[in-house]
Each structure stands twice: as C-alpha cells, then as structure tokens.
C-alpha cells in the first residue's frame, strides 16, 4: 500500500484531486486543516491504470455489450446526489435503462435462438441488488468514520472552551468512573473554582450519588442470603457476619445454612466456621429441606444462607435463585457479594442478572486486592443498588465494616492517587483524607 498527500483550498477540491489521480478505490487515511486549506492523506494498493480504449463492436454482431454496473466514484461525483435516497434512485434508473436496452422491440426469426440468453437477463436484478447492498455498506462505513471524527472534533473544542471541565473529566475517568457518569458530574462543576476546589466538589457530588443501605444486618437480624459469582467471597463474608453477631448476641442466636450442592467441600468449609463460632450449620438440598430448616431456626435472631457461585450465563444459577424464591416460610433478604477487583462489564452484568431476584443491597468484597474502585462505584450508581458492607481482608471477623458513601469515595480517591497519578506512582499514601 502506498500513501500520497494532497492539498486543496477546501475539502471538495482536495477530494477531487484524490479521485482524479488515484481513482475511486483510494482510502482516505486522515484529513486536517493547514494554513492554505486542507491536507488529505490517501492510500492506494497500486498505481492507477488508465482505462483502455473501447473496441468498437463488429457490424455483423447485432448484440450490444452488457452495461457495467457503475462504481461509487462514478455515482458520487462533484455533481452527484447529496442524499442516499437520491443515490439509490439514480442507481435504479441506470439499471432500468440498461435492462431495457436488451429487450427486443419486435419478434423475429432469431427469437428462438436468443432464448438461452433469458437466464442472463433474469440474473440482472440480483446483480443490481448486490450492487446496491455494497453501496449501502460503503456509505454506512463512511458515515461511521465521519461520526467518529466529528465526535473527536467536538470533544477537542469542548476541552479548549472549558479546560477545567476537560481536566476533571480526564481525572475521573482515570479513577475508573464510567464516561456517562463523568459527563453528568462534570456538568455541575463550578466554573470559577480552582482545580482543587472543583475536584473536591465533584467527589462530594459523587458521594451523594452512591446509595448506602440502612438495613444493618447485625442489628436487625432476620434471614439473609448472600449471592454472587464464584470466588466473590460469600462464605468468608458469612463467617465474618456470623462471628460479629455471635459476639453481640450470643452464638446460640445464629444459624448457618448452605444450599451449595455443587462445590466440593462447600459444607465442610462452612461447618468449620460454625464450629469455631459455636453455632449450628445445616445443609439444604431442595426447596423442601430449606423450608424445614428455616422453620426449625425460626427462633434464631439471624439465619445466614450460603449459596453456590455460578457465572451469569450458567443455567444452574436460575435454578438456585428459584429455590430461594419458592421458599415461602420466611422473608429472605438477598445481598449480592460483588468483588471490586473485577472488570466493569463483569460487575454490570452480574448486578443485572441477580437484581431480578429483588436484592436488598450489595457487599463490596476484596477491597484490599483492587487498584481502582471507580468501576464498582459506577456499576452500583448505574443500577441504583445500595451498598451495605465493605470487606477488605481475610481476617474473621475483623475485616468487615458498614459502608459509608464518604469513606467509599475517599478510598477510591486514595487508590487513584496511589496507583494512577504519574507523580505519586510508587509512593505510599497513608491518610485517605489527603487524597480528597
């Protein structure tokens, strides 16, 4: 592939030069404004070849040569139609006139000999339709490229006119906040404030967008089921909640149930925690067994249900969620355990899948293993899902605390300053208030 540069007083003039010298198969690589007009960089696979002169038809051959399908460059000339509708109408007219040129005007003796040519004429509409599809596809590609270029120009213009908003938008996206939420926040940034004041204002605004659940499991008790994909930390979180509740109300007021019948040694792991805490641990393999156990533990202040971890696309997940919904003997409050070191799309799809069961809130896990907290914050803000607890380690029961929006945003800012900012990379930040 070879590359050529063309200069013109405007875009039409430059494109005309490209078409005249390289033909309609040239690919526009880039365009930009220069002092004297417009510069276009075009690429082509080979040197343009001039069309060979047409050979006149022999006088003794009555049949006319088939009319070639016009190319996009022949249709979109300097004086060509400006809209897709006009382009398609012109193409249809050309095809119609080409077909009529081959229709016989009157019957003749040679009509029988010309009969084998009918399949060729019948294939003309198919070729015509394929040509139109190719033109539509090429126009759609050009439209997508133009939209991308226009969006880039608009963003550059916005940053030039509002440099503070552009700076804040970049920082929030580097912190892991998704673009849609960033645009909503930056729109409220004060114009007259300096960088630090505007940054603190946006962090406070972001904290107001985060919902925090007022349903304190350790105070209110009840029947609580923890849901989540494999490896999200459900069993460890249940042990932390059970241990703290046992310290406050006694081990005899806590009971643990597992419905995980798929993972190896799932019951044994939960039973080990139960022996350490001193509470009852049972296993339910069906809806009936779960209902019986919940009736058996009706006098307990807190019953925690551990579920199996499945991917969002696993059909067994739906079966397990149906098991919880079919148990009518108790009001089961469901909490999603969401690991904060996952990708945004994974967290977004996880919330969308489990939210169908009627979640009471979520628990952020593995905060000690994540380098950016903005993705998790964006996911819960987008779905309006309250955050109830935060876990940041494997210690039972110390590494769990009630979620606070201000503390959550402060942690996100501290991680951003510690791991993302160029001038702080590799340095240790102890006080999270400094980051805010």
Protein backbone atom coordinates (compact mmCIF):
# COMPACT_ATOMS: atom_id res chain seq x y z
CA UNK A 1 0.00 0.00 0.00
CA UNK A 2 1.31 3.46 -0.97
CA UNK A 3 0.43 6.79 0.61
CA UNK A 4 0.04 10.17 -1.12
CA UNK A 5 -0.68 13.66 0.24
CA UNK A 6 -2.99 16.12 -1.47
CA UNK A 7 -3.50 19.82 -0.75
CA UNK A 8 -6.57 21.84 -1.72
CA UNK A 9 -8.20 25.12 -0.91
CA UNK A 10 -11.14 23.21 0.65
CA UNK A 11 -12.31 19.64 1.23
CA UNK A 12 -14.15 19.37 -2.11
CA UNK A 13 -11.08 20.46 -4.04
CA UNK A 14 -8.80 18.02 -2.21
CA UNK A 15 -11.20 15.08 -2.66
CA UNK A 16 -11.48 15.91 -6.36
CA UNK A 17 -7.70 15.66 -6.70
CA UNK A 18 -7.70 12.28 -4.95
CA UNK A 19 -10.40 10.94 -7.22
CA UNK A 20 -8.75 12.21 -10.41
CA UNK A 21 -5.28 10.85 -9.60
CA UNK A 22 -5.97 7.68 -7.60
CA UNK A 23 -9.50 6.76 -8.62
CA UNK A 24 -12.46 5.68 -6.55
CA UNK A 25 -10.64 2.84 -4.73
CA UNK A 26 -8.39 5.17 -2.75
CA UNK A 27 -8.72 5.10 1.04
CA UNK A 28 -8.75 8.39 2.97
CA UNK A 29 -6.36 7.89 5.93
CA UNK A 30 -6.65 11.34 7.56
CA UNK A 31 -7.51 14.97 6.91
CA UNK A 32 -6.60 18.19 8.67
CA UNK A 33 -6.67 21.90 8.17
CA UNK A 34 -3.46 23.65 7.14
CA UNK A 35 -2.56 27.28 6.59
CA UNK A 36 -3.56 27.33 2.89
CA UNK A 37 -6.54 24.99 3.05
CA UNK A 38 -6.94 21.24 3.65
CA UNK A 39 -4.44 18.38 3.60
CA UNK A 40 -5.64 14.81 2.84
CA UNK A 41 -3.56 11.66 3.22
CA UNK A 42 -4.80 8.91 0.89
CA UNK A 43 -3.62 5.33 0.40
CA UNK A 44 -3.88 3.02 -2.60
CA UNK A 45 -2.79 -0.53 -3.38
CA UNK A 46 -1.31 0.12 -6.81
CA UNK A 47 -0.71 2.89 -9.30
CA UNK A 48 -3.87 3.98 -11.07
CA UNK A 49 -4.22 2.44 -14.50
CA UNK A 50 -5.82 4.38 -17.31
CA UNK A 51 -8.81 2.70 -18.87
CA UNK A 52 -8.06 1.00 -22.17
CA UNK A 53 -9.84 2.40 -25.23
CA UNK A 54 -13.06 0.62 -26.04
CA UNK A 55 -13.04 -1.62 -29.12
CA UNK A 56 -15.89 -0.79 -31.46
CA UNK A 57 -18.39 -3.57 -31.99
CA UNK A 58 -18.27 -5.52 -35.24
CA UNK A 59 -21.04 -4.60 -37.69
CA UNK A 60 -22.12 -8.21 -38.13
CA UNK A 61 -22.80 -8.73 -34.38
CA UNK A 62 -26.26 -7.32 -33.55
CA UNK A 63 -26.00 -7.94 -29.76
CA UNK A 64 -24.93 -4.96 -27.66
CA UNK A 65 -22.33 -5.34 -24.88
CA UNK A 66 -23.77 -5.59 -21.34
CA UNK A 67 -23.67 -2.31 -19.44
CA UNK A 68 -21.27 -2.44 -16.47
CA UNK A 69 -22.62 -1.56 -13.02
CA UNK A 70 -21.46 1.99 -12.20
CA UNK A 71 -18.98 2.31 -9.36
CA UNK A 72 -19.42 4.51 -6.30
CA UNK A 73 -16.90 7.03 -7.66
CA UNK A 74 -18.89 7.35 -10.90
CA UNK A 75 -22.11 7.88 -8.97
CA UNK A 76 -20.75 10.23 -6.29
CA UNK A 77 -19.11 12.86 -8.43
CA UNK A 78 -18.82 16.55 -7.80
CA UNK A 79 -22.29 16.98 -9.24
CA UNK A 80 -23.71 13.72 -7.85
CA UNK A 81 -26.70 13.39 -5.50
CA UNK A 82 -26.21 14.52 -1.90
CA UNK A 83 -28.51 12.02 -0.16
CA UNK A 84 -28.74 8.24 -0.03
CA UNK A 85 -32.32 8.31 -1.37
CA UNK A 86 -31.26 10.28 -4.46
CA UNK A 87 -28.26 7.98 -4.92
CA UNK A 88 -30.41 4.85 -4.86
CA UNK A 89 -32.97 6.40 -7.22
CA UNK A 90 -30.23 7.29 -9.71
CA UNK A 91 -28.75 3.79 -9.48
CA UNK A 92 -32.19 2.24 -10.03
CA UNK A 93 -32.76 4.45 -13.10
CA UNK A 94 -29.43 3.43 -14.60
CA UNK A 95 -30.19 -0.22 -14.06
CA UNK A 96 -33.67 0.13 -15.57
CA UNK A 97 -32.31 1.81 -18.70
CA UNK A 98 -29.63 -0.87 -19.03
CA UNK A 99 -32.22 -3.64 -18.87
CA UNK A 100 -34.47 -2.07 -21.48
CA UNK A 101 -31.58 -1.79 -23.91
CA UNK A 102 -31.57 -5.56 -24.26
CA UNK A 103 -35.32 -6.05 -24.71
CA UNK A 104 -36.33 -6.92 -28.29
CA UNK A 105 -38.60 -4.38 -29.97
CA UNK A 106 -40.33 -6.83 -32.27
CA UNK A 107 -40.45 -10.60 -32.81
CA UNK A 108 -38.01 -12.04 -35.33
CA UNK A 109 -36.94 -15.34 -36.77
CA UNK A 110 -33.92 -15.45 -34.44
CA UNK A 111 -36.07 -15.18 -31.29
CA UNK A 112 -35.80 -18.90 -30.69
CA UNK A 113 -32.00 -18.73 -30.89
CA UNK A 114 -31.97 -15.87 -28.42
CA UNK A 115 -33.96 -17.90 -25.85
CA UNK A 116 -30.84 -19.17 -23.95
CA UNK A 117 -30.00 -15.52 -23.06
CA UNK A 118 -33.05 -15.27 -20.75
CA UNK A 119 -31.26 -16.67 -17.63
CA UNK A 120 -28.62 -13.92 -18.00
CA UNK A 121 -31.32 -11.27 -18.16
CA UNK A 122 -33.07 -12.81 -15.15
CA UNK A 123 -29.86 -12.51 -13.07
CA UNK A 124 -29.64 -8.76 -13.71
CA UNK A 125 -31.94 -7.81 -10.77
CA UNK A 126 -29.83 -9.99 -8.46
CA UNK A 127 -26.62 -8.26 -9.54
CA UNK A 128 -28.35 -4.91 -9.26
CA UNK A 129 -29.48 -5.69 -5.69
CA UNK A 130 -25.97 -6.80 -4.71
CA UNK A 131 -24.52 -3.57 -6.08
CA UNK A 132 -26.99 -1.54 -4.05
CA UNK A 133 -26.12 -3.50 -0.90
CA UNK A 134 -22.42 -2.84 -1.49
CA UNK A 135 -23.12 0.86 -1.88
CA UNK A 136 -25.18 0.97 1.32
CA UNK A 137 -22.45 -0.84 3.24
CA UNK A 138 -19.78 1.54 1.98
CA UNK A 139 -21.89 4.58 2.81
CA UNK A 140 -22.55 3.24 6.31
CA UNK A 141 -18.82 2.78 6.82
CA UNK A 142 -18.14 6.32 5.68
CA UNK A 143 -20.85 7.61 7.99
CA UNK A 144 -19.34 5.80 11.00
CA UNK A 145 -15.90 7.24 10.25
CA UNK A 146 -17.29 10.74 9.87
CA UNK A 147 -19.27 10.45 13.11
CA UNK A 148 -16.12 9.34 14.94
CA UNK A 149 -14.12 12.24 13.52
CA UNK A 150 -16.85 14.77 14.31
CA UNK A 151 -17.14 13.45 17.88
CA UNK A 152 -13.39 13.88 18.32
CA UNK A 153 -13.50 17.43 16.99
CA UNK A 154 -16.40 18.30 19.29
CA UNK A 155 -14.55 16.90 22.29
CA UNK A 156 -11.41 18.88 21.41
CA UNK A 157 -13.47 22.03 21.01
CA UNK A 158 -15.16 21.39 24.37
CA UNK A 159 -11.80 20.99 26.08
CA UNK A 160 -10.49 24.21 24.54
CA UNK A 161 -13.54 26.20 25.60
CA UNK A 162 -13.77 24.60 29.08
CA UNK A 163 -10.27 23.42 30.06
CA UNK A 164 -11.18 22.84 33.72
CA UNK A 165 -14.03 20.52 32.83
CA UNK A 166 -11.77 18.63 30.44
CA UNK A 167 -9.14 18.22 33.16
CA UNK A 168 -11.70 16.99 35.72
CA UNK A 169 -13.26 14.61 33.18
CA UNK A 170 -9.87 13.04 32.50
CA UNK A 171 -9.13 12.57 36.20
CA UNK A 172 -12.49 10.96 36.94
CA UNK A 173 -12.12 8.52 34.04
CA UNK A 174 -8.62 7.62 35.21
CA UNK A 175 -10.13 6.91 38.62
CA UNK A 176 -12.35 4.29 36.93
CA UNK A 177 -15.60 6.26 36.73
CA UNK A 178 -17.50 5.47 33.53
CA UNK A 179 -17.87 8.14 30.85
CA UNK A 180 -21.64 8.57 31.15
CA UNK A 181 -21.43 9.23 34.89
CA UNK A 182 -18.41 11.50 34.37
CA UNK A 183 -20.36 13.71 31.95
CA UNK A 184 -23.21 14.02 34.45
CA UNK A 185 -20.84 15.05 37.24
CA UNK A 186 -18.64 17.44 35.27
CA UNK A 187 -21.69 19.33 34.03
CA UNK A 188 -22.15 20.63 37.60
CA UNK A 189 -18.52 21.65 38.14
CA UNK A 190 -18.22 25.31 39.22
CA UNK A 191 -16.61 27.44 36.52
CA UNK A 192 -14.97 29.96 38.88
CA UNK A 193 -13.38 27.42 41.23
CA UNK A 194 -9.75 26.32 41.02
CA UNK A 195 -8.69 22.75 40.28
CA UNK A 196 -8.60 21.54 43.90
CA UNK A 197 -11.93 23.10 44.86
CA UNK A 198 -13.63 21.71 41.75
CA UNK A 199 -12.13 18.24 42.37
CA UNK A 200 -13.34 18.15 45.99
CA UNK A 201 -16.79 19.37 44.85
CA UNK A 202 -17.08 16.52 42.30
CA UNK A 203 -16.01 13.90 44.86
CA UNK A 204 -18.70 15.12 47.25
CA UNK A 205 -21.22 15.09 44.39
CA UNK A 206 -20.19 11.52 43.55
CA UNK A 207 -20.62 10.50 47.19
CA UNK A 208 -24.18 11.82 47.07
CA UNK A 209 -24.89 9.58 44.08
CA UNK A 210 -23.85 6.42 45.95
CA UNK A 211 -26.74 4.75 47.81
CA UNK A 212 -25.93 3.21 51.18
CA UNK A 213 -28.27 0.62 52.70
CA UNK A 214 -29.72 1.48 56.10
CA UNK A 215 -30.57 -2.19 56.64
CA UNK A 216 -27.98 -3.19 59.25
CA UNK A 217 -27.82 -6.98 59.25
CA UNK A 218 -26.00 -7.13 62.59
CA UNK A 219 -28.67 -5.03 64.31
CA UNK A 220 -31.89 -6.16 62.61
CA UNK A 221 -31.06 -9.84 62.02
CA UNK A 222 -33.57 -11.94 60.09
CA UNK A 223 -32.97 -14.45 57.27
CA UNK A 224 -30.19 -13.27 54.95
CA UNK A 225 -28.90 -15.00 51.79
CA UNK A 226 -25.62 -13.98 50.18
CA UNK A 227 -25.48 -14.34 46.40
CA UNK A 228 -22.67 -13.85 43.94
CA UNK A 229 -20.42 -15.48 41.34
CA UNK A 230 -17.68 -17.98 42.12
CA UNK A 231 -14.81 -16.58 44.17
CA UNK A 232 -16.57 -13.40 45.24
CA UNK A 233 -16.09 -14.20 48.94
CA UNK A 234 -19.58 -15.23 50.06
CA UNK A 235 -18.56 -17.91 52.56
CA UNK A 236 -15.89 -15.76 54.22
CA UNK A 237 -18.32 -12.83 54.45
CA UNK A 238 -20.94 -15.07 56.09
CA UNK A 239 -18.35 -16.17 58.66
CA UNK A 240 -17.50 -12.52 59.44
CA UNK A 241 -21.16 -11.57 59.90
CA UNK A 242 -21.91 -14.65 61.99
CA UNK A 243 -18.88 -14.11 64.24
CA UNK A 244 -19.67 -10.45 64.89
CA UNK A 245 -23.34 -11.22 65.55
CA UNK A 246 -22.36 -14.02 67.94
CA UNK A 247 -20.12 -11.63 69.86
CA UNK A 248 -23.02 -9.21 70.31
CA UNK A 249 -26.00 -11.54 70.85
CA UNK A 250 -24.54 -14.98 71.56
CA UNK A 251 -23.65 -17.95 69.37
CA UNK A 252 -26.98 -19.66 70.11
CA UNK A 253 -28.79 -16.87 68.24
CA UNK A 254 -27.01 -17.59 64.94
CA UNK A 255 -27.57 -20.39 62.42
CA UNK A 256 -25.88 -21.12 59.09
CA UNK A 257 -27.42 -22.92 56.09
CA UNK A 258 -25.72 -23.81 52.83
CA UNK A 259 -27.54 -24.64 49.59
CA UNK A 260 -24.26 -25.11 47.71
CA UNK A 261 -24.54 -28.66 46.41
CA UNK A 262 -22.05 -28.20 43.57
CA UNK A 263 -18.75 -27.03 45.04
CA UNK A 264 -16.53 -29.69 46.62
CA UNK A 265 -16.22 -29.37 50.41
CA UNK A 266 -18.58 -26.37 50.47
CA UNK A 267 -20.45 -27.67 53.52
CA UNK A 268 -17.22 -28.68 55.29
CA UNK A 269 -15.79 -25.17 54.93
CA UNK A 270 -18.92 -23.56 56.38
CA UNK A 271 -19.11 -26.23 59.11
CA UNK A 272 -15.53 -25.37 60.16
CA UNK A 273 -16.53 -21.75 60.64
CA UNK A 274 -19.60 -22.90 62.57
CA UNK A 275 -17.54 -24.98 64.99
CA UNK A 276 -15.20 -22.04 65.64
CA UNK A 277 -18.10 -19.64 66.21
CA UNK A 278 -20.18 -22.20 68.11
CA UNK A 279 -23.37 -22.03 66.01
CA UNK A 280 -25.50 -24.58 64.13
CA UNK A 281 -24.68 -25.37 60.49
CA UNK A 282 -27.06 -27.28 58.19
CA UNK A 283 -27.26 -28.24 54.52
CA UNK A 284 -30.35 -27.98 52.31
CA UNK A 285 -30.52 -29.89 49.02
CA UNK A 286 -34.05 -28.91 47.97
CA UNK A 287 -36.75 -26.32 48.49
CA UNK A 288 -38.50 -28.56 51.00
CA UNK A 289 -35.36 -29.05 53.09
CA UNK A 290 -34.66 -25.30 53.06
CA UNK A 291 -38.21 -24.57 54.23
CA UNK A 292 -37.91 -27.18 57.01
CA UNK A 293 -34.61 -25.74 58.24
CA UNK A 294 -35.94 -22.18 58.20
CA UNK A 295 -38.92 -23.35 60.28
CA UNK A 296 -36.54 -25.17 62.61
CA UNK A 297 -34.46 -21.98 63.08
CA UNK A 298 -37.45 -19.64 63.40
CA UNK A 299 -36.39 -18.68 66.94
CA UNK A 300 -32.89 -17.62 65.84
CA UNK A 301 -32.25 -13.90 65.55
CA UNK A 302 -30.03 -14.32 62.48
CA UNK A 303 -30.00 -17.08 59.86
CA UNK A 304 -27.37 -16.78 57.12
CA UNK A 305 -27.74 -18.74 53.86
CA UNK A 306 -24.65 -19.51 51.76
CA UNK A 307 -25.36 -20.09 48.06
CA UNK A 308 -23.34 -21.66 45.26
CA UNK A 309 -21.32 -19.43 42.99
CA UNK A 310 -22.26 -19.59 39.31
CA UNK A 311 -21.48 -17.48 36.30
CA UNK A 312 -24.17 -15.20 34.94
CA UNK A 313 -24.69 -17.49 31.93
CA UNK A 314 -24.91 -20.73 33.93
CA UNK A 315 -28.41 -22.23 33.88
CA UNK A 316 -27.90 -23.68 37.38
CA UNK A 317 -27.91 -20.13 38.72
CA UNK A 318 -31.55 -19.68 37.69
CA UNK A 319 -32.47 -22.95 39.39
CA UNK A 320 -30.79 -21.86 42.62
CA UNK A 321 -32.48 -18.45 42.60
CA UNK A 322 -35.83 -20.15 42.03
CA UNK A 323 -35.15 -22.30 45.11
CA UNK A 324 -34.79 -19.19 47.26
CA UNK A 325 -37.88 -17.55 45.79
CA UNK A 326 -40.05 -20.65 46.27
CA UNK A 327 -39.29 -20.82 49.98
CA UNK A 328 -42.32 -19.01 51.41
CA UNK A 329 -41.90 -19.79 55.09
CA UNK A 330 -39.59 -16.82 55.72
CA UNK A 331 -38.81 -13.42 54.25
CA UNK A 332 -35.34 -13.93 52.78
CA UNK A 333 -33.35 -10.75 52.26
CA UNK A 334 -30.83 -11.20 49.47
CA UNK A 335 -27.48 -9.41 49.26
CA UNK A 336 -25.08 -9.57 46.32
CA UNK A 337 -21.39 -10.03 47.16
CA UNK A 338 -19.55 -8.05 44.48
CA UNK A 339 -15.78 -8.34 44.18
CA UNK A 340 -14.36 -4.91 43.45
CA UNK A 341 -11.30 -6.14 41.55
CA UNK A 342 -13.41 -7.34 38.59
CA UNK A 343 -13.94 -5.56 35.27
CA UNK A 344 -16.77 -3.07 34.93
CA UNK A 345 -18.64 -5.14 32.33
CA UNK A 346 -18.45 -8.21 34.59
CA UNK A 347 -19.86 -6.29 37.57
CA UNK A 348 -22.50 -4.63 35.41
CA UNK A 349 -23.76 -7.96 34.03
CA UNK A 350 -23.59 -9.59 37.47
CA UNK A 351 -25.81 -6.93 39.03
CA UNK A 352 -28.24 -7.08 36.11
CA UNK A 353 -28.57 -10.87 36.49
CA UNK A 354 -29.01 -11.05 40.27
CA UNK A 355 -31.16 -7.93 40.52
CA UNK A 356 -34.04 -9.92 39.08
CA UNK A 357 -34.41 -11.67 42.46
CA UNK A 358 -35.06 -8.42 44.33
CA UNK A 359 -31.77 -7.54 46.03
CA UNK A 360 -31.82 -5.63 49.32
CA UNK A 361 -28.27 -4.39 48.75
CA UNK A 362 -24.73 -5.46 47.95
CA UNK A 363 -21.48 -6.09 49.80
CA UNK A 364 -18.19 -4.89 48.30
CA UNK A 365 -15.53 -7.58 48.80
CA UNK A 366 -11.76 -7.75 48.24
CA UNK A 367 -11.11 -4.03 48.55
CA UNK A 368 -7.59 -4.95 49.63
CA UNK A 369 -6.98 -6.57 46.22
CA UNK A 370 -8.24 -3.81 43.89
CA UNK A 371 -6.26 -0.95 42.34
CA UNK A 372 -9.25 1.06 41.18
CA UNK A 373 -12.64 1.42 42.84
CA UNK A 374 -14.34 3.66 40.29
CA UNK A 375 -15.66 0.74 38.22
CA UNK A 376 -17.56 -0.76 41.16
CA UNK A 377 -18.91 2.65 42.15
CA UNK A 378 -20.11 3.29 38.60
CA UNK A 379 -21.86 -0.10 38.46
CA UNK A 380 -23.88 0.38 41.66
CA UNK A 381 -24.73 4.00 40.78
CA UNK A 382 -25.93 2.94 37.32
CA UNK A 383 -28.21 0.22 38.75
CA UNK A 384 -29.21 2.17 41.86
CA UNK A 385 -28.08 -0.71 44.10
CA UNK A 386 -27.35 0.23 47.75
CA UNK A 387 -24.01 -0.75 49.30
CA UNK A 388 -24.33 -2.34 52.75
CA UNK A 389 -20.90 -3.60 53.84
CA UNK A 390 -17.23 -3.42 52.81
CA UNK A 391 -14.72 -6.24 53.28
CA UNK A 392 -11.01 -5.66 52.89
CA UNK A 393 -9.19 -8.80 54.05
CA UNK A 394 -9.40 -12.46 55.10
CA UNK A 395 -9.42 -11.96 58.88
CA UNK A 396 -12.58 -13.19 60.61
CA UNK A 397 -14.39 -11.22 61.92
CA UNK A 398 -12.28 -8.02 61.82
CA UNK A 399 -12.16 -7.24 58.08
CA UNK A 400 -15.75 -6.09 57.54
CA UNK A 401 -17.45 -2.77 58.22
CA UNK A 402 -20.63 -0.91 57.41
CA UNK A 403 -20.44 1.03 54.15
CA UNK A 404 -20.34 4.82 54.21
CA UNK A 405 -20.52 6.81 50.99
CA UNK A 406 -17.94 9.38 52.06
CA UNK A 407 -15.45 6.71 53.15
CA UNK A 408 -16.04 4.76 49.93
CA UNK A 409 -15.25 7.77 47.70
CA UNK A 410 -12.28 8.63 49.90
CA UNK A 411 -10.91 5.12 49.37
CA UNK A 412 -11.44 5.42 45.61
CA UNK A 413 -9.55 8.74 45.54
CA UNK A 414 -6.74 7.29 47.63
CA UNK A 415 -6.33 4.33 45.23
CA UNK A 416 -6.35 6.70 42.27
CA UNK A 417 -3.66 8.89 43.81
CA UNK A 418 -1.54 5.90 44.83
CA UNK A 419 -1.64 3.81 41.67
CA UNK A 420 -2.65 6.09 38.77
CA UNK A 421 -1.28 9.61 39.15
CA UNK A 422 2.18 9.84 37.49
CA UNK A 423 3.76 11.94 40.24
CA UNK A 424 2.59 9.59 43.01
CA UNK A 425 3.12 6.19 41.39
CA UNK A 426 5.20 4.06 43.71
CA UNK A 427 4.66 6.30 46.73
CA UNK A 428 2.73 5.27 49.81
CA UNK A 429 -0.30 7.36 50.82
CA UNK A 430 -1.43 6.63 54.38
CA UNK A 431 -4.09 9.24 55.10
CA UNK A 432 -7.07 8.94 52.74
CA UNK A 433 -8.18 12.49 53.58
CA UNK A 434 -5.09 13.83 51.81
CA UNK A 435 -6.28 12.27 48.55
CA UNK A 436 -9.63 14.00 48.84
